[in-house]
Amino acid sequence: MKEGIEGAARLLGAARRAAALTGAGVSAESGVPTFRGEGGLWRRYRAEDLATPGAYARDPELVWEWYRHRRRLVAACEPNAAHLALARLERLLPSFTLITQNVDGLHARAGSRDPVELHGNLFRARCESDGETRTADGSEGDGIPRCRAGHPMRPDVVWFGEMLPEEALRRAHDAAVAADLFLVVGTSALVHPAATLPVLAQQSGARLVEINPEETGLSGYADISLRGKAAEILPALVELAFPEAREGGEG
């Protein structure tokens, strides 16, 4: 492991255009529960039966009740050391793009300025009629929120059967193609089209570093695979790559 981290640190320290793809493993280390949730009402429903356009069309109030439940659970969680290390990389590297499959907003709370949220954000609502978006902290009242024009709003997340947002996918694609180093953190790299980004980056000339407790379908492609928790490995990796930049000292 020591040799792997040192090799990854050399790649990170030499990178000029880096990108990172994060998944549920990063959020799990903050105690974020799975989207199925636990307890009470939600034991009678599968996420796949609620996180769909059809479910929203049938019973929007039920879907909103579930999303408010999820918001309350996530709002009680805090960014972990992996989130903070990735936010530091944004300040330390000449060019760094953070791409996430997570909808919990923890990257932004950790200080990442403009993460590419491939699957949306749990704390936003979107009007399908006029595109208006609104943020919420999870403490808003019951019922279906409405935009300024009075139209109903839906959770601004990607549901099963929906396409990813075009702008987010374009930004992620461009970052993967331009990267000379691509980090894959806390994801099994099985969900498409996000799973194609690391391979695309490598095909475009990037070195590929994977951080995950277990082997994944991507491990065979990675230049370096680091086994362990992201909240332990990423801070150590950043410290090794940038020994002169201690926390709070990079301006």
Protein backbone atom coordinates (compact mmCIF):
# COMPACT_ATOMS: atom_id res chain seq x y z
CA MET A 1 0.00 0.00 0.00
CA LYS A 2 2.83 2.42 0.88
CA GLU A 3 4.37 2.07 -2.57
CA GLY A 4 0.98 2.56 -4.22
CA ILE A 5 0.23 5.75 -2.29
CA GLU A 6 3.66 7.17 -3.04
CA GLY A 7 3.25 6.42 -6.74
CA ALA A 8 -0.20 8.00 -6.76
CA ALA A 9 1.17 11.04 -4.92
CA ARG A 10 3.84 11.52 -7.59
CA LEU A 11 1.16 11.43 -10.29
CA LEU A 12 -1.01 13.87 -8.35
CA GLY A 13 1.83 16.28 -7.67
CA ALA A 14 2.77 16.34 -11.35
CA ALA A 15 -0.80 16.71 -12.64
CA ARG A 16 -1.83 19.89 -14.44
CA ARG A 17 -5.39 18.96 -15.38
CA ALA A 18 -6.97 16.48 -12.98
CA ALA A 19 -10.50 15.23 -12.47
CA ALA A 20 -12.18 13.02 -9.89
CA LEU A 21 -15.32 10.89 -10.04
CA THR A 22 -16.93 10.14 -6.66
CA GLY A 23 -19.66 7.71 -5.70
CA ALA A 24 -21.71 6.47 -2.77
CA GLY A 25 -18.70 5.13 -0.89
CA VAL A 26 -17.54 8.68 -0.13
CA SER A 27 -20.91 9.65 1.32
CA ALA A 28 -21.24 6.42 3.28
CA GLU A 29 -18.19 7.45 5.29
CA SER A 30 -20.18 10.48 6.48
CA GLY A 31 -22.99 8.24 7.65
CA VAL A 32 -25.30 9.07 4.76
CA PRO A 33 -27.87 6.26 4.66
CA THR A 34 -28.77 4.46 1.48
CA PHE A 35 -31.52 6.18 -0.46
CA ARG A 36 -33.97 3.50 0.56
CA GLY A 37 -33.88 4.83 4.10
CA GLU A 38 -35.13 2.93 7.10
CA GLY A 39 -38.06 2.89 9.41
CA GLY A 40 -41.75 3.57 9.35
CA LEU A 41 -43.48 4.30 6.09
CA TRP A 42 -40.49 3.68 3.82
CA ARG A 43 -40.16 -0.03 4.66
CA ARG A 44 -43.27 -0.53 2.54
CA TYR A 45 -41.78 1.05 -0.57
CA ARG A 46 -38.81 0.31 -2.77
CA ALA A 47 -36.74 3.27 -3.94
CA GLU A 48 -37.25 2.02 -7.49
CA ASP A 49 -41.01 2.50 -6.97
CA LEU A 50 -40.66 6.11 -5.76
CA ALA A 51 -37.73 7.57 -7.71
CA THR A 52 -39.43 7.48 -11.11
CA PRO A 53 -41.39 9.94 -13.24
CA GLY A 54 -44.35 7.54 -13.08
CA ALA A 55 -44.37 7.54 -9.29
CA TYR A 56 -44.34 11.33 -9.25
CA ALA A 57 -47.19 11.48 -11.75
CA ARG A 58 -49.25 9.06 -9.66
CA ASP A 59 -48.64 10.54 -6.22
CA PRO A 60 -46.42 13.64 -6.10
CA GLU A 61 -47.18 14.28 -2.41
CA LEU A 62 -45.92 10.81 -1.44
CA VAL A 63 -42.74 11.30 -3.47
CA TRP A 64 -42.14 14.70 -1.88
CA GLU A 65 -42.73 13.24 1.59
CA TRP A 66 -40.03 10.64 0.89
CA TYR A 67 -37.58 13.25 -0.40
CA ARG A 68 -38.12 15.46 2.63
CA HIS A 69 -37.43 12.43 4.81
CA ARG A 70 -34.18 11.86 2.93
CA ARG A 71 -33.23 15.54 3.20
CA ARG A 72 -33.62 15.46 6.97
CA LEU A 73 -31.39 12.38 7.23
CA VAL A 74 -28.68 13.87 5.01
CA ALA A 75 -28.83 17.31 6.65
CA ALA A 76 -27.71 15.66 9.90
CA CYS A 77 -24.51 14.37 8.23
CA GLU A 78 -21.25 16.27 7.85
CA PRO A 79 -18.58 16.23 5.12
CA ASN A 80 -15.76 13.83 5.94
CA ALA A 81 -12.01 14.03 5.36
CA ALA A 82 -12.37 12.77 1.79
CA HIS A 83 -14.74 15.61 0.88
CA LEU A 84 -12.35 18.11 2.46
CA ALA A 85 -9.31 16.66 0.68
CA LEU A 86 -11.03 16.95 -2.69
CA ALA A 87 -11.95 20.56 -1.93
CA ARG A 88 -8.27 21.22 -1.16
CA LEU A 89 -7.24 19.74 -4.51
CA GLU A 90 -9.40 22.34 -6.23
CA ARG A 91 -7.21 25.01 -4.63
CA LEU A 92 -3.88 23.23 -5.07
CA LEU A 93 -4.03 22.08 -8.70
CA PRO A 94 -3.91 24.33 -11.78
CA SER A 95 -7.08 22.69 -13.08
CA PHE A 96 -9.36 20.30 -11.19
CA THR A 97 -12.89 19.13 -11.95
CA LEU A 98 -14.93 17.24 -9.37
CA ILE A 99 -17.60 14.97 -10.82
CA THR A 100 -19.99 13.24 -8.46
CA GLN A 101 -22.78 10.69 -8.70
CA ASN A 102 -23.95 11.69 -5.21
CA VAL A 103 -26.96 13.94 -4.65
CA ASP A 104 -26.30 14.84 -1.00
CA GLY A 105 -24.52 18.17 -1.54
CA LEU A 106 -21.68 17.27 0.84
CA HIS A 107 -18.97 18.22 -1.65
CA ALA A 108 -20.24 21.80 -1.80
CA ARG A 109 -20.57 21.92 1.99
CA ALA A 110 -16.92 20.83 2.20
CA GLY A 111 -15.85 23.77 0.05
CA SER A 112 -15.88 22.43 -3.52
CA ARG A 113 -16.95 25.45 -5.54
CA ASP A 114 -18.62 23.97 -8.60
CA PRO A 115 -18.97 20.17 -8.51
CA VAL A 116 -20.48 18.50 -11.56
CA GLU A 117 -23.54 16.78 -10.11
CA LEU A 118 -24.39 14.07 -12.62
CA HIS A 119 -27.48 12.88 -10.76
CA GLY A 120 -28.71 16.23 -9.46
CA ASN A 121 -29.02 17.52 -5.91
CA LEU A 122 -31.33 16.35 -3.16
CA PHE A 123 -31.63 19.90 -1.82
CA ARG A 124 -32.91 21.46 -5.03
CA ALA A 125 -36.35 21.54 -6.60
CA ARG A 126 -36.94 22.17 -10.29
CA CYS A 127 -39.92 23.40 -12.26
CA GLU A 128 -40.42 21.36 -15.41
CA SER A 129 -42.51 24.12 -16.97
CA ASP A 130 -40.02 26.99 -16.87
CA GLY A 131 -36.79 25.45 -15.53
CA GLU A 132 -36.70 27.51 -12.32
CA THR A 133 -34.68 25.87 -9.55
CA ARG A 134 -34.81 26.48 -5.82
CA THR A 135 -32.64 25.27 -2.97
CA ALA A 136 -34.04 24.00 0.31
CA ASP A 137 -32.53 22.91 3.61
CA GLY A 138 -34.96 20.10 4.41
CA SER A 139 -37.02 22.09 6.93
CA GLU A 140 -39.63 23.44 4.55
CA GLY A 141 -43.31 22.61 5.05
CA ASP A 142 -45.46 19.89 3.58
CA GLY A 143 -47.10 19.73 0.19
CA ILE A 144 -45.78 20.27 -3.31
CA PRO A 145 -43.52 23.32 -3.73
CA ARG A 146 -44.33 25.71 -6.52
CA CYS A 147 -42.22 28.06 -8.60
CA ARG A 148 -42.76 31.81 -8.80
CA ALA A 149 -45.20 31.31 -11.67
CA GLY A 150 -47.23 28.86 -9.60
CA HIS A 151 -46.23 25.64 -11.36
CA PRO A 152 -45.50 22.50 -9.31
CA MET A 153 -41.83 21.69 -8.76
CA ARG A 154 -40.16 18.27 -8.56
CA PRO A 155 -36.98 17.12 -6.83
CA ASP A 156 -34.00 18.15 -8.99
CA VAL A 157 -32.54 14.65 -9.18
CA VAL A 158 -32.22 12.10 -11.95
CA TRP A 159 -34.84 9.40 -11.55
CA PHE A 160 -34.71 5.84 -12.83
CA GLY A 161 -35.31 5.83 -16.56
CA GLU A 162 -34.26 9.48 -17.07
CA MET A 163 -31.31 10.87 -18.98
CA LEU A 164 -28.52 12.69 -17.19
CA PRO A 165 -28.57 16.51 -17.46
CA GLU A 166 -26.94 17.47 -20.77
CA GLU A 167 -24.80 20.27 -19.32
CA ALA A 168 -23.47 18.13 -16.46
CA LEU A 169 -22.67 15.27 -18.82
CA ARG A 170 -20.91 17.64 -21.24
CA ARG A 171 -18.77 19.12 -18.48
CA ALA A 172 -17.87 15.65 -17.19
CA HIS A 173 -16.98 14.45 -20.69
CA ASP A 174 -14.82 17.51 -21.38
CA ALA A 175 -13.01 17.12 -18.05
CA ALA A 176 -12.32 13.43 -18.69
CA VAL A 177 -10.93 14.09 -22.17
CA ALA A 178 -8.70 16.94 -20.95
CA ALA A 179 -7.38 15.27 -17.77
CA ASP A 180 -3.85 14.01 -17.37
CA LEU A 181 -4.88 12.35 -14.07
CA PHE A 182 -8.29 10.87 -13.26
CA LEU A 183 -9.23 9.77 -9.73
CA VAL A 184 -12.08 7.30 -9.15
CA VAL A 185 -13.16 7.42 -5.52
CA GLY A 186 -15.73 5.33 -3.67
CA THR A 187 -17.61 3.99 -6.65
CA SER A 188 -17.96 0.55 -8.20
CA ALA A 189 -17.93 2.21 -11.64
CA LEU A 190 -20.89 0.16 -12.81
CA VAL A 191 -23.54 2.84 -13.41
CA HIS A 192 -23.50 4.21 -16.95
CA PRO A 193 -22.79 6.62 -18.45
CA ALA A 194 -20.65 7.75 -15.48
CA ALA A 195 -18.77 4.45 -15.61
CA THR A 196 -17.44 5.30 -19.07
CA LEU A 197 -15.70 8.49 -17.89
CA PRO A 198 -12.58 6.86 -16.35
CA VAL A 199 -12.04 4.70 -19.44
CA LEU A 200 -12.55 7.73 -21.68
CA ALA A 201 -9.99 9.66 -19.65
CA GLN A 202 -7.45 6.86 -19.90
CA GLN A 203 -8.03 6.48 -23.63
CA SER A 204 -7.36 10.23 -23.92
CA GLY A 205 -3.99 9.89 -22.18
CA ALA A 206 -4.80 10.27 -18.47
CA ARG A 207 -3.31 8.15 -15.71
CA LEU A 208 -6.02 6.41 -13.71
CA VAL A 209 -5.98 6.06 -9.90
CA GLU A 210 -8.73 4.15 -8.09
CA ILE A 211 -9.51 4.48 -4.37
CA ASN A 212 -11.95 1.91 -3.06
CA PRO A 213 -12.11 -0.63 -0.23
CA GLU A 214 -12.78 -3.47 -2.66
CA GLU A 215 -11.86 -4.46 -6.17
CA THR A 216 -14.24 -3.14 -8.84
CA GLY A 217 -14.84 -3.64 -12.52
CA LEU A 218 -12.49 -0.71 -13.11
CA SER A 219 -9.57 -2.11 -11.13
CA GLY A 220 -8.10 -3.94 -14.09
CA TYR A 221 -7.84 -0.66 -16.03
CA ALA A 222 -6.40 1.48 -13.24
CA ASP A 223 -2.72 2.41 -13.23
CA ILE A 224 -2.84 2.35 -9.43
CA SER A 225 -5.56 0.88 -7.19
CA LEU A 226 -5.51 1.92 -3.53
CA ARG A 227 -7.56 -0.27 -1.20
CA GLY A 228 -9.10 1.42 1.80
CA LYS A 229 -11.43 4.18 2.95
CA ALA A 230 -11.39 7.40 0.97
CA ALA A 231 -11.47 9.46 4.17
CA GLU A 232 -8.14 7.89 5.17
CA ILE A 233 -6.38 7.57 1.82
CA LEU A 234 -7.23 10.91 0.16
CA PRO A 235 -5.91 13.20 2.92
CA ALA A 236 -2.69 11.16 3.07
CA LEU A 237 -2.39 11.33 -0.70
CA VAL A 238 -2.80 15.11 -0.75
CA GLU A 239 -0.24 15.56 2.03
CA LEU A 240 2.30 13.41 0.18
CA ALA A 241 1.69 15.15 -3.14
CA PHE A 242 1.84 18.68 -1.71
CA PRO A 243 4.02 18.58 1.44
CA GLU A 244 4.63 22.31 1.27
CA ALA A 245 0.91 23.16 1.42
CA ARG A 246 -0.44 22.47 4.89
CA GLU A 247 -4.12 22.92 5.67
CA GLY A 248 -4.94 26.64 5.68
CA GLY A 249 -1.63 27.57 4.12
CA GLU A 250 -2.32 27.44 0.40
CA GLY A 251 -3.79 30.92 0.23
